[in-house]
C-alpha atoms as a PDB file:
ATOM      1  CA  MET A   1     109.674 163.634 112.407  1.00  0.00           C
ATOM      2  CA  LYS A   2     109.211 159.852 112.706  1.00  0.00           C
ATOM      3  CA  THR A   3     112.561 158.072 112.812  1.00  0.00           C
ATOM      4  CA  ALA A   4     113.556 154.457 112.142  1.00  0.00           C
ATOM      5  CA  LEU A   5     116.781 152.553 112.675  1.00  0.00           C
ATOM      6  CA  LEU A   6     118.134 150.573 109.711  1.00  0.00           C
ATOM      7  CA  VAL A   7     120.617 147.787 110.442  1.00  0.00           C
ATOM      8  CA  ILE A   8     122.141 146.751 107.124  1.00  0.00           C
ATOM      9  CA  ASP A   9     123.934 143.489 106.296  1.00  0.00           C
ATOM     10  CA  MET A  10     125.139 142.652 109.788  1.00  0.00           C
ATOM     11  CA  GLN A  11     125.456 139.001 108.853  1.00  0.00           C
ATOM     12  CA  MET A  12     127.929 136.312 109.802  1.00  0.00           C
ATOM     13  CA  LEU A  13     129.807 136.910 106.525  1.00  0.00           C
ATOM     14  CA  MET A  14     131.059 140.111 108.170  1.00  0.00           C
ATOM     15  CA  GLN A  15     132.208 138.176 111.231  1.00  0.00           C
ATOM     16  CA  GLU A  16     133.956 135.650 108.986  1.00  0.00           C
ATOM     17  CA  ASN A  17     135.915 138.496 107.356  1.00  0.00           C
ATOM     18  CA  ILE A  18     136.875 139.812 110.794  1.00  0.00           C
ATOM     19  CA  ASP A  19     137.900 136.317 111.915  1.00  0.00           C
ATOM     20  CA  LYS A  20     140.130 135.991 108.826  1.00  0.00           C
ATOM     21  CA  GLY A  21     142.116 138.969 110.086  1.00  0.00           C
ATOM     22  CA  ARG A  22     140.862 141.592 107.640  1.00  0.00           C
ATOM     23  CA  ASP A  23     141.547 145.180 108.640  1.00  0.00           C
ATOM     24  CA  TYR A  24     138.197 146.642 109.698  1.00  0.00           C
ATOM     25  CA  THR A  25     136.378 149.451 111.460  1.00  0.00           C
ATOM     26  CA  SER A  26     134.572 150.101 113.739  1.00  0.00           C
ATOM     27  CA  HIS A  27     135.786 147.833 116.492  1.00  0.00           C
ATOM     28  CA  GLU A  28     132.982 149.066 118.763  1.00  0.00           C
ATOM     29  CA  ILE A  29     130.236 148.020 116.342  1.00  0.00           C
ATOM     30  CA  LYS A  30     129.347 144.983 118.453  1.00  0.00           C
ATOM     31  CA  THR A  31     128.422 147.283 121.335  1.00  0.00           C
ATOM     32  CA  HIS A  32     127.149 150.305 119.401  1.00  0.00           C
ATOM     33  CA  ILE A  33     124.544 148.486 117.315  1.00  0.00           C
ATOM     34  CA  PRO A  34     123.076 146.698 120.362  1.00  0.00           C
ATOM     35  CA  ALA A  35     122.981 150.041 122.224  1.00  0.00           C
ATOM     36  CA  LEU A  36     121.081 151.632 119.344  1.00  0.00           C
ATOM     37  CA  LEU A  37     118.749 148.650 119.049  1.00  0.00           C
ATOM     38  CA  SER A  38     118.047 148.737 122.766  1.00  0.00           C
ATOM     39  CA  ALA A  39     117.311 152.471 122.764  1.00  0.00           C
ATOM     40  CA  PHE A  40     115.024 152.299 119.726  1.00  0.00           C
ATOM     41  CA  ARG A  41     113.186 149.313 121.180  1.00  0.00           C
ATOM     42  CA  ALA A  42     112.775 150.986 124.576  1.00  0.00           C
ATOM     43  CA  ALA A  43     111.396 154.119 122.892  1.00  0.00           C
ATOM     44  CA  GLY A  44     108.991 152.081 120.752  1.00  0.00           C
ATOM     45  CA  LYS A  45     110.628 153.319 117.559  1.00  0.00           C
ATOM     46  CA  PRO A  46     110.712 151.156 114.423  1.00  0.00           C
ATOM     47  CA  VAL A  47     113.704 149.009 113.547  1.00  0.00           C
ATOM     48  CA  PHE A  48     114.323 147.541 110.102  1.00  0.00           C
ATOM     49  CA  HIS A  49     116.875 144.797 109.496  1.00  0.00           C
ATOM     50  CA  ILE A  50     118.130 144.585 105.934  1.00  0.00           C
ATOM     51  CA  ARG A  51     120.032 141.466 104.959  1.00  0.00           C
ATOM     52  CA  HIS A  52     121.754 140.504 101.747  1.00  0.00           C
ATOM     53  CA  GLN A  53     120.733 137.302 100.018  1.00  0.00           C
ATOM     54  CA  GLN A  54     121.863 135.635  96.806  1.00  0.00           C
ATOM     55  CA  SER A  55     120.159 132.824  94.922  1.00  0.00           C
ATOM     56  CA  GLU A  56     123.291 130.965  93.792  1.00  0.00           C
ATOM     57  CA  LYS A  57     123.993 128.052  96.140  1.00  0.00           C
ATOM     58  CA  MET A  58     127.728 128.788  96.075  1.00  0.00           C
ATOM     59  CA  ALA A  59     127.198 132.408  97.157  1.00  0.00           C
ATOM     60  CA  HIS A  60     128.358 133.496 100.607  1.00  0.00           C
ATOM     61  CA  VAL A  61     124.935 134.804 101.568  1.00  0.00           C
ATOM     62  CA  TYR A  62     122.792 131.965 100.279  1.00  0.00           C
ATOM     63  CA  PRO A  63     119.965 131.163 102.734  1.00  0.00           C
ATOM     64  CA  ASN A  64     120.853 128.528 105.335  1.00  0.00           C
ATOM     65  CA  LYS A  65     124.619 129.018 104.986  1.00  0.00           C
ATOM     66  CA  GLU A  66     126.273 130.072 108.232  1.00  0.00           C
ATOM     67  CA  SER A  67     127.451 133.338 106.626  1.00  0.00           C
ATOM     68  CA  PHE A  68     123.820 134.261 105.796  1.00  0.00           C
ATOM     69  CA  TYR A  69     122.599 134.449 109.398  1.00  0.00           C
ATOM     70  CA  PRO A  70     122.674 137.667 111.448  1.00  0.00           C
ATOM     71  CA  MET A  71     125.545 138.436 113.757  1.00  0.00           C
ATOM     72  CA  PRO A  72     124.477 138.002 117.398  1.00  0.00           C
ATOM     73  CA  CYS A  73     124.834 141.757 117.984  1.00  0.00           C
ATOM     74  CA  ALA A  74     122.213 142.514 115.314  1.00  0.00           C
ATOM     75  CA  GLU A  75     119.458 139.945 115.635  1.00  0.00           C
ATOM     76  CA  ALA A  76     115.872 140.995 115.106  1.00  0.00           C
ATOM     77  CA  ILE A  77     113.239 140.489 117.770  1.00  0.00           C
ATOM     78  CA  LYS A  78     109.584 139.679 117.252  1.00  0.00           C
ATOM     79  CA  GLY A  79     107.746 142.501 115.528  1.00  0.00           C
ATOM     80  CA  GLU A  80     110.776 144.002 113.778  1.00  0.00           C
ATOM     81  CA  THR A  81     110.839 144.028 110.003  1.00  0.00           C
ATOM     82  CA  VAL A  82     113.461 141.896 108.267  1.00  0.00           C
ATOM     83  CA  LEU A  83     113.888 142.463 104.533  1.00  0.00           C
ATOM     84  CA  TYR A  84     116.143 140.550 102.162  1.00  0.00           C
ATOM     85  CA  LYS A  85     117.821 142.447  99.348  1.00  0.00           C
ATOM     86  CA  THR A  86     119.648 141.200  96.279  1.00  0.00           C
ATOM     87  CA  THR A  87     121.201 144.550  95.351  1.00  0.00           C
ATOM     88  CA  SER A  88     123.625 146.932  96.995  1.00  0.00           C
ATOM     89  CA  SER A  89     120.927 149.440  97.932  1.00  0.00           C
ATOM     90  CA  ALA A  90     118.328 148.375 100.479  1.00  0.00           C
ATOM     91  CA  PHE A  91     115.760 150.188  98.334  1.00  0.00           C
ATOM     92  CA  ALA A  92     116.388 148.730  94.857  1.00  0.00           C
ATOM     93  CA  SER A  93     115.250 145.140  95.456  1.00  0.00           C
ATOM     94  CA  THR A  94     112.868 145.495  98.417  1.00  0.00           C
ATOM     95  CA  ASP A  95     109.676 147.361  99.258  1.00  0.00           C
ATOM     96  CA  LEU A  96     111.493 149.312 101.984  1.00  0.00           C
ATOM     97  CA  ALA A  97     110.461 152.764 100.693  1.00  0.00           C
ATOM     98  CA  ASP A  98     106.789 151.779 100.586  1.00  0.00           C
ATOM     99  CA  ARG A  99     106.939 150.330 104.100  1.00  0.00           C
ATOM    100  CA  LEU A 100     108.626 153.442 105.472  1.00  0.00           C
ATOM    101  CA  ARG A 101     106.126 155.767 103.840  1.00  0.00           C
ATOM    102  CA  LYS A 102     103.192 153.637 105.002  1.00  0.00           C
ATOM    103  CA  GLU A 103     104.439 154.041 108.595  1.00  0.00           C
ATOM    104  CA  GLY A 104     105.033 157.787 108.142  1.00  0.00           C
ATOM    105  CA  ILE A 105     108.794 157.449 108.617  1.00  0.00           C
ATOM    106  CA  SER A 106     110.828 160.255 107.105  1.00  0.00           C
ATOM    107  CA  ARG A 107     114.196 159.990 108.900  1.00  0.00           C
ATOM    108  CA  LEU A 108     116.516 156.982 108.757  1.00  0.00           C
ATOM    109  CA  ILE A 109     119.363 156.252 111.146  1.00  0.00           C
ATOM    110  CA  ILE A 110     121.762 154.106 109.090  1.00  0.00           C
ATOM    111  CA  THR A 111     124.086 151.493 110.619  1.00  0.00           C
ATOM    112  CA  GLY A 112     125.753 148.264 109.528  1.00  0.00           C
ATOM    113  CA  GLY A 113     128.003 147.286 106.659  1.00  0.00           C
ATOM    114  CA  VAL A 114     129.765 147.625 104.453  1.00  0.00           C
ATOM    115  CA  ALA A 115     130.290 151.402 104.458  1.00  0.00           C
ATOM    116  CA  ALA A 116     131.652 151.938 100.933  1.00  0.00           C
ATOM    117  CA  PHE A 117     129.212 149.522  99.349  1.00  0.00           C
ATOM    118  CA  CYS A 118     125.705 148.787 100.671  1.00  0.00           C
ATOM    119  CA  ILE A 119     125.668 151.632 103.202  1.00  0.00           C
ATOM    120  CA  ASN A 120     126.797 154.109 100.546  1.00  0.00           C
ATOM    121  CA  SER A 121     124.192 152.851  98.034  1.00  0.00           C
ATOM    122  CA  THR A 122     121.381 152.838 100.593  1.00  0.00           C
ATOM    123  CA  VAL A 123     122.130 156.339 101.900  1.00  0.00           C
ATOM    124  CA  ARG A 124     122.239 157.795  98.393  1.00  0.00           C
ATOM    125  CA  ALA A 125     119.052 156.026  97.284  1.00  0.00           C
ATOM    126  CA  GLY A 126     117.244 156.985 100.483  1.00  0.00           C
ATOM    127  CA  LYS A 127     118.140 160.639 100.020  1.00  0.00           C
ATOM    128  CA  ASP A 128     117.072 160.491  96.358  1.00  0.00           C
ATOM    129  CA  LEU A 129     113.720 159.071  97.496  1.00  0.00           C
ATOM    130  CA  GLY A 130     113.187 162.008  99.853  1.00  0.00           C
ATOM    131  CA  PHE A 131     114.178 160.523 103.207  1.00  0.00           C
ATOM    132  CA  ASP A 132     116.379 162.364 105.690  1.00  0.00           C
ATOM    133  CA  VAL A 133     119.343 160.131 106.432  1.00  0.00           C
ATOM    134  CA  VAL A 134     121.699 160.131 109.383  1.00  0.00           C
ATOM    135  CA  ILE A 135     124.851 158.005 109.132  1.00  0.00           C
ATOM    136  CA  VAL A 136     126.267 156.590 112.373  1.00  0.00           C
ATOM    137  CA  LYS A 137     130.002 156.406 111.665  1.00  0.00           C
ATOM    138  CA  ASP A 138     131.030 154.393 114.721  1.00  0.00           C
ATOM    139  CA  ALA A 139     128.269 151.868 113.966  1.00  0.00           C
ATOM    140  CA  LEU A 140     129.462 151.218 110.411  1.00  0.00           C
ATOM    141  CA  LEU A 141     131.605 148.328 109.336  1.00  0.00           C
ATOM    142  CA  SER A 142     134.318 148.947 106.781  1.00  0.00           C
ATOM    143  CA  PHE A 143     136.996 146.623 105.437  1.00  0.00           C
ATOM    144  CA  ASP A 144     140.309 147.345 103.769  1.00  0.00           C
ATOM    145  CA  LEU A 145     140.967 147.013 100.053  1.00  0.00           C
ATOM    146  CA  PRO A 146     144.406 145.373  99.964  1.00  0.00           C
ATOM    147  CA  ALA A 147     144.684 145.521  96.158  1.00  0.00           C
ATOM    148  CA  SER A 148     144.349 149.302  96.374  1.00  0.00           C
ATOM    149  CA  ASN A 149     146.487 149.727  99.507  1.00  0.00           C
ATOM    150  CA  LEU A 150     143.555 151.390 101.271  1.00  0.00           C
ATOM    151  CA  SER A 151     142.981 150.726 104.952  1.00  0.00           C
ATOM    152  CA  ALA A 152     139.543 150.182 106.400  1.00  0.00           C
ATOM    153  CA  GLN A 153     139.820 153.542 108.197  1.00  0.00           C
ATOM    154  CA  GLN A 154     140.767 155.389 105.002  1.00  0.00           C
ATOM    155  CA  ILE A 155     137.765 153.898 103.214  1.00  0.00           C
ATOM    156  CA  LEU A 156     135.415 154.684 106.094  1.00  0.00           C
ATOM    157  CA  ASP A 157     136.685 158.260 106.417  1.00  0.00           C
ATOM    158  CA  THR A 158     136.426 158.902 102.677  1.00  0.00           C
ATOM    159  CA  THR A 159     132.991 157.310 102.330  1.00  0.00           C
ATOM    160  CA  THR A 160     131.514 159.173 105.289  1.00  0.00           C
ATOM    161  CA  ALA A 161     133.096 162.472 104.177  1.00  0.00           C
ATOM    162  CA  ILE A 162     131.415 162.142 100.777  1.00  0.00           C
ATOM    163  CA  LEU A 163     128.088 161.185 102.338  1.00  0.00           C
ATOM    164  CA  ALA A 164     128.297 164.096 104.800  1.00  0.00           C
ATOM    165  CA  ALA A 165     129.017 166.515 101.957  1.00  0.00           C
ATOM    166  CA  GLY A 166     125.813 165.788 100.105  1.00  0.00           C
ATOM    167  CA  PHE A 167     123.514 163.230 101.659  1.00  0.00           C
ATOM    168  CA  GLY A 168     123.163 163.578 105.416  1.00  0.00           C
ATOM    169  CA  PRO A 169     124.897 164.226 108.700  1.00  0.00           C
ATOM    170  CA  VAL A 170     127.513 161.788 109.943  1.00  0.00           C
ATOM    171  CA  VAL A 171     127.297 161.377 113.707  1.00  0.00           C
ATOM    172  CA  ASP A 172     128.391 158.987 116.430  1.00  0.00           C
ATOM    173  CA  THR A 173     126.277 156.572 118.462  1.00  0.00           C
ATOM    174  CA  GLU A 174     126.208 158.867 121.491  1.00  0.00           C
ATOM    175  CA  THR A 175     124.745 161.688 119.392  1.00  0.00           C
ATOM    176  CA  VAL A 176     121.964 159.412 118.126  1.00  0.00           C
ATOM    177  CA  LEU A 177     121.175 158.242 121.661  1.00  0.00           C
ATOM    178  CA  ARG A 178     121.129 161.842 122.923  1.00  0.00           C
ATOM    179  CA  SER A 179     119.484 163.674 120.015  1.00  0.00           C
ATOM    180  CA  TYR A 180     117.444 161.371 117.775  1.00  0.00           C
ATOM    181  CA  ILE A 181     115.507 159.222 120.234  1.00  0.00           C
ATOM    182  CA  SER A 182     112.785 160.957 122.200  1.00  0.00           C
END
C-alpha cells in the first residue's frame, strides 16, 4: 500500500496562537513533524503540504502575511507538493484526491492542525473518498475553546476518539516511524 504524509496548516498563524499563550497540544509537535518528514524523505515516500489561504487582505492567512508562511518545523523541500486550500477539508478546494490517485497513494498519514477543524474535515473527507487514513495524535495541534470551557487536551482527546471510532486508527509518531515507513 503506497503511503503519503500530509502536513496540514502548519503555518505561522499557529505559532502566533501559541505565542499568545493559548492552551494547546501537542507540545512535541515541533519535533514530531520534523521526525516524520525526515523519515518519509529518507524512505523516498511522498509528502504533501496543505496550507490554508484566504483571499481577503485582512484575513490571517492572506498570502505574504507573516501568519501565512509555514512554521520552520514544517517547511517543504524541493520536489514536495504544496497545495493551498480555502476550505476546512484539504480535499474540497484542491485537487489533492486526483494527485494522490495519480501517484497510486491509498494510505494517508495525517498530521498538523487544527485537530477539531481542518484535520477532522480532511480525515472524514479522505475516508469518504476511499483513502485509508492514519491520524498521528502526538503530531496534531489543538487549541482550547475558552468560550466553551474546553481545554486543548479535551478537544484533542474527543476529536481523535471520534475519528478512531469510524475513520481510521489513531497512533503516535513512534508507531508511524516503526510500522508505516518501509
